[in-house]
Protein backbone atom coordinates (compact mmCIF):
# COMPACT_ATOMS: atom_id res chain seq x y z
CA MET A 1 -5.97 3.76 1.08
CA ASN A 2 -4.67 1.70 3.90
CA TYR A 3 -2.39 3.24 6.73
CA PHE A 4 1.41 1.89 5.08
CA LYS A 5 1.74 3.17 1.71
CA VAL A 6 4.68 4.78 3.52
CA THR A 7 7.77 5.57 2.12
CA ALA A 8 8.00 2.50 0.17
CA LEU A 9 5.88 4.77 -2.62
CA ALA A 10 6.99 8.33 -1.69
CA VAL A 11 10.56 7.08 -1.44
CA LEU A 12 11.27 3.66 -2.72
CA LEU A 13 9.89 4.57 -6.55
CA PRO A 14 11.94 7.73 -7.15
CA ALA A 15 14.95 5.87 -6.08
CA CYS A 16 14.45 3.06 -8.83
CA PHE A 17 14.28 5.78 -11.41
CA SER A 18 17.24 8.10 -9.42
CA ALA A 19 18.69 4.45 -9.94
CA THR A 20 18.22 2.97 -13.23
CA LEU A 21 17.63 5.72 -15.41
CA ALA A 22 21.20 7.56 -15.57
CA HIS A 23 20.40 9.44 -18.50
CA ALA A 24 16.58 9.64 -18.59
CA ASN A 25 14.45 8.96 -21.22
CA PRO A 26 12.20 11.34 -22.77
CA LEU A 27 8.57 9.58 -21.74
CA THR A 28 8.50 6.21 -19.93
CA LEU A 29 4.76 4.45 -19.12
CA GLY A 30 4.82 1.32 -17.10
CA ALA A 31 3.42 -0.60 -14.46
CA SER A 32 4.27 -1.58 -10.86
CA VAL A 33 3.79 -3.63 -8.13
CA ILE A 34 5.02 -2.51 -4.83
CA TYR A 35 5.08 -4.58 -1.40
CA SER A 36 5.59 -3.74 1.92
CA GLN A 37 5.08 -4.29 5.62
CA SER A 38 3.66 -2.28 8.16
CA PRO A 39 5.57 -1.08 11.42
CA TYR A 40 1.94 -0.58 13.19
CA LYS A 41 0.66 -3.38 15.71
CA GLY A 42 -2.60 -5.33 13.61
CA GLY A 43 -0.89 -4.21 10.57
CA GLU A 44 -0.34 -6.45 7.67
CA GLY A 45 1.89 -6.67 4.55
CA ARG A 46 0.31 -5.84 1.79
CA TYR A 47 0.67 -4.98 -2.59
CA TYR A 48 -0.01 -2.43 -3.99
CA PRO A 49 -0.30 -1.46 -8.06
CA VAL A 50 1.01 1.84 -8.84
CA PRO A 51 1.15 3.27 -12.89
CA LEU A 52 4.76 4.07 -13.54
CA ILE A 53 4.83 7.24 -15.59
CA ASN A 54 8.55 8.97 -15.85
CA TYR A 55 8.87 12.02 -18.20
CA ASP A 56 12.45 14.08 -17.91
CA GLY A 57 12.69 17.06 -19.78
CA ASP A 58 15.15 20.56 -20.14
CA SER A 59 13.56 22.04 -16.67
CA PHE A 60 10.31 19.95 -15.56
CA TYR A 61 10.33 16.04 -14.23
CA LEU A 62 7.68 13.72 -13.24
CA HIS A 63 8.42 10.11 -11.76
CA SER A 64 5.49 8.96 -10.92
CA LEU A 65 4.47 10.19 -7.28
CA GLN A 66 7.29 13.10 -7.52
CA ALA A 67 7.47 15.91 -9.65
CA GLY A 68 10.03 18.56 -9.59
CA TYR A 69 11.63 21.81 -11.61
CA TYR A 70 15.59 21.69 -12.33
CA LEU A 71 17.58 24.87 -11.04
CA TRP A 72 20.68 23.60 -12.48
CA LYS A 73 21.12 20.38 -14.64
CA ASP A 74 24.04 18.84 -16.24
CA GLN A 75 25.56 15.01 -17.07
CA GLN A 76 26.61 15.03 -13.49
CA ASP A 77 24.53 17.33 -10.60
CA GLN A 78 20.74 17.90 -10.87
CA LEU A 79 19.07 20.42 -8.62
CA SER A 80 16.01 20.96 -8.66
CA LEU A 81 12.79 22.57 -6.35
CA THR A 82 10.69 19.16 -5.34
CA ILE A 83 7.17 18.31 -4.68
CA LEU A 84 5.98 14.29 -3.51
CA GLY A 85 3.53 12.71 -2.73
CA SER A 86 3.39 11.13 0.83
CA PRO A 87 0.59 8.55 1.25
CA GLN A 88 1.81 7.31 5.20
CA ASN A 89 -1.26 7.89 6.92
CA PHE A 90 -2.72 5.78 9.84
CA ASN A 91 -6.52 4.87 9.27
CA THR A 92 -8.43 2.71 12.95
CA ASP A 93 -10.27 1.17 10.51
CA ASP A 94 -7.62 -0.78 8.90
CA THR A 95 -6.43 -2.31 11.74
CA LYS A 96 -6.92 -5.23 14.05
CA ASN A 97 -5.62 -4.43 16.97
CA LYS A 98 -8.34 -3.19 19.75
CA GLN A 99 -6.32 -0.25 20.90
CA LEU A 100 -5.06 1.16 18.37
CA LYS A 101 -8.68 1.27 16.80
CA LYS A 102 -9.33 4.29 19.88
CA LEU A 103 -6.79 6.27 18.35
CA ASP A 104 -6.67 9.55 16.05
CA ASN A 105 -6.70 8.92 12.23
CA ARG A 106 -2.70 10.16 10.80
CA HIS A 107 -3.36 11.73 7.03
CA MET A 108 -1.10 11.38 4.28
CA THR A 109 0.25 14.75 2.81
CA LEU A 110 2.27 16.63 -0.03
CA MET A 111 5.96 17.33 1.12
CA GLY A 112 8.27 20.35 -0.92
CA GLY A 113 11.67 21.18 -0.64
CA LEU A 114 14.90 20.33 -2.87
CA ALA A 115 16.42 17.49 -4.25
CA TYR A 116 20.04 17.14 -5.32
CA ARG A 117 22.12 14.26 -8.02
CA HIS A 118 25.34 13.64 -8.41
CA VAL A 119 26.50 11.36 -10.72
CA ALA A 120 30.68 10.65 -10.85
CA ASN A 121 32.71 7.10 -11.78
CA TRP A 122 32.72 6.46 -8.13
CA GLY A 123 28.84 6.37 -7.95
CA ILE A 124 25.61 8.59 -7.13
CA VAL A 125 25.03 10.46 -4.33
CA ARG A 126 21.36 11.08 -4.49
CA THR A 127 19.49 13.42 -1.40
CA VAL A 128 16.04 14.87 -1.11
CA LEU A 129 15.10 17.43 1.94
CA ALA A 130 11.08 18.27 1.78
CA GLY A 131 9.05 19.81 4.78
CA ASP A 132 4.90 18.57 5.27
CA MET A 133 3.44 21.22 2.62
CA LEU A 134 -0.23 20.73 3.98
CA GLY A 135 0.63 21.32 7.69
CA ASN A 136 -0.64 17.73 8.98
CA SER A 137 2.56 16.99 10.94
CA ASP A 138 4.12 20.19 10.49
CA GLY A 139 7.54 18.28 10.09
CA TYR A 140 10.52 17.81 8.14
CA GLN A 141 12.55 14.58 6.32
CA TRP A 142 15.98 14.54 4.52
CA ASP A 143 16.71 11.49 2.68
CA LEU A 144 20.87 11.25 2.23
CA ALA A 145 21.79 8.41 -0.09
CA TYR A 146 25.17 6.78 -1.54
CA LEU A 147 24.43 4.53 -4.50
CA TYR A 148 27.26 2.35 -7.31
CA ARG A 149 26.36 1.24 -10.53
CA PHE A 150 27.39 -1.62 -11.57
CA GLN A 151 26.46 -2.98 -15.76
CA MET A 152 26.90 -5.48 -17.41
CA GLY A 153 25.46 -5.65 -20.79
CA ASP A 154 21.99 -5.53 -20.53
CA PHE A 155 21.86 -5.59 -17.21
CA SER A 156 22.66 -3.43 -13.99
CA LEU A 157 22.74 -3.69 -10.43
CA THR A 158 22.74 -0.69 -8.38
CA PRO A 159 23.28 -1.12 -4.11
CA GLY A 160 22.70 1.76 -1.91
CA ILE A 161 23.36 2.70 1.35
CA GLY A 162 21.19 5.37 3.22
CA ALA A 163 19.31 6.98 5.85
CA LEU A 164 16.01 9.16 6.46
CA TYR A 165 16.06 11.83 9.09
CA SER A 166 11.96 12.26 10.64
CA SER A 167 12.14 15.87 12.48
CA SER A 168 10.17 14.93 16.07
CA ASN A 169 6.62 16.71 14.21
CA GLN A 170 7.03 13.91 11.63
CA ASN A 171 7.40 11.46 14.11
CA ASP A 172 5.36 12.44 16.34
CA TYR A 173 2.41 13.14 14.30
CA TYR A 174 2.38 9.42 12.81
CA TYR A 175 3.54 7.18 15.79
CA GLY A 176 3.53 9.57 18.79
CA VAL A 177 0.01 9.01 21.33
CA SER A 178 -0.94 12.39 23.34
CA LYS A 179 -2.83 11.77 26.87
CA ALA A 180 -6.40 11.44 25.55
CA GLU A 181 -5.61 8.92 23.25
CA SER A 182 -3.94 6.94 25.69
CA ARG A 183 -7.00 7.08 28.09
CA ARG A 184 -8.99 6.15 25.31
CA SER A 185 -7.00 3.17 24.70
CA GLY A 186 -5.22 2.14 27.35
CA LEU A 187 -1.35 3.04 25.45
CA GLY A 188 0.93 4.54 27.38
CA SER A 189 1.49 8.25 26.29
CA TYR A 190 4.21 8.85 23.81
CA GLU A 191 6.06 11.66 22.79
CA ALA A 192 7.87 11.03 19.96
CA ASP A 193 11.54 13.25 19.38
CA ASP A 194 13.66 13.28 15.86
CA SER A 195 15.42 9.96 14.15
CA TRP A 196 17.65 8.23 12.01
CA ASN A 197 15.88 5.50 10.12
CA PRO A 198 19.43 4.00 8.10
CA TYR A 199 18.51 1.75 5.04
CA LEU A 200 20.05 -0.85 2.40
CA GLU A 201 18.72 -0.85 -0.65
CA MET A 202 19.05 -2.77 -4.14
CA THR A 203 18.05 -2.30 -7.43
CA ALA A 204 18.86 -4.62 -10.35
CA ALA A 205 17.04 -3.37 -14.01
CA TRP A 206 16.90 -5.30 -17.61
CA SER A 207 16.85 -3.69 -20.88
CA ILE A 208 14.96 -6.31 -22.42
CA ASN A 209 14.80 -4.44 -26.12
CA GLN A 210 15.45 -0.81 -26.89
CA ASN A 211 12.08 0.11 -25.57
CA TRP A 212 10.80 -2.32 -23.06
CA ASN A 213 12.44 -2.47 -19.46
CA ALA A 214 12.12 -4.29 -16.43
CA THR A 215 13.20 -3.31 -12.38
CA LEU A 216 13.07 -5.27 -9.58
CA SER A 217 14.35 -2.80 -6.05
CA GLY A 218 14.30 -3.43 -2.56
CA ARG A 219 14.67 -1.78 0.47
CA TYR A 220 15.70 -2.58 4.07
CA THR A 221 15.09 0.23 6.44
CA ARG A 222 16.29 -0.61 11.00
CA LEU A 223 13.73 1.36 12.44
CA SER A 224 15.02 4.24 15.51
CA SER A 225 14.33 4.01 18.83
CA GLU A 226 12.19 6.74 18.61
CA VAL A 227 9.65 4.73 15.89
CA LYS A 228 10.06 1.39 17.50
CA ASN A 229 9.59 2.71 20.91
CA SER A 230 6.41 4.11 19.95
CA PRO A 231 3.31 2.08 21.60
CA MET A 232 1.85 1.59 18.17
CA VAL A 233 4.85 0.02 16.65
CA ASP A 234 5.25 -3.87 16.98
CA ARG A 235 8.71 -4.01 14.37
CA ASP A 236 12.02 -2.90 14.50
CA SER A 237 12.21 -2.82 10.76
CA GLN A 238 10.60 -2.97 7.60
CA VAL A 239 10.78 -4.00 3.99
CA ALA A 240 9.45 -2.76 0.96
CA VAL A 241 10.13 -4.58 -2.72
CA TRP A 242 9.03 -2.74 -6.00
CA THR A 243 8.92 -4.79 -9.57
CA GLY A 244 7.79 -2.83 -12.63
CA ILE A 245 8.19 -3.37 -16.39
CA SER A 246 8.08 -0.05 -18.66
CA TYR A 247 7.82 1.49 -22.39
CA THR A 248 9.98 4.29 -23.27
CA PHE A 249 8.48 6.20 -26.27
């Protein structure tokens, strides 16, 4: 896996399911492709194939990279214990930047915590609070978003606005530069603090027939100063686009 499968996989896929499946079907399988920009120096935008697996039962759900157990579930509110993969990582073999090649690798991890979703006539509130379960960063993230779904026959459009909070440990692990790394690479040492990264997202879904569905979703994230001021980073924003087709049984 490349060093930037990032939030596009860990967050965008669950977000698409959240936006398009107001009343989740028992089992949905399909295929998708994600395009994501890299914030790191020497990184390029890449395409990644991702299988779609969606199951939503009375007690348990699986949304590709996210799984959970419902503590509360009704038509309006769903509260769950959740686990989601965070494939964000940095591998020195995958960057063209000579200075970044002299840094330490950053590893992917597994995040666990609470997820909550509220559905009303005025829109959808979605939030996830999750921390690193493998001790790689010892950090945590809080994602909070508001979405509104427009239904037009077999076609739906769901715009959303949100923000992703990352703790100082989370940011420092993926964007910080230690003094030892600074001496090896020539980059300035950097200790990242916590941050809020605001984003806009849009999901378009088309029910082709009773079983087949097509979805296109995108997210634009504005990177906070704590991220973009890192010597590892040369962007102030990033874009992720996801498209997929699925079959509901």
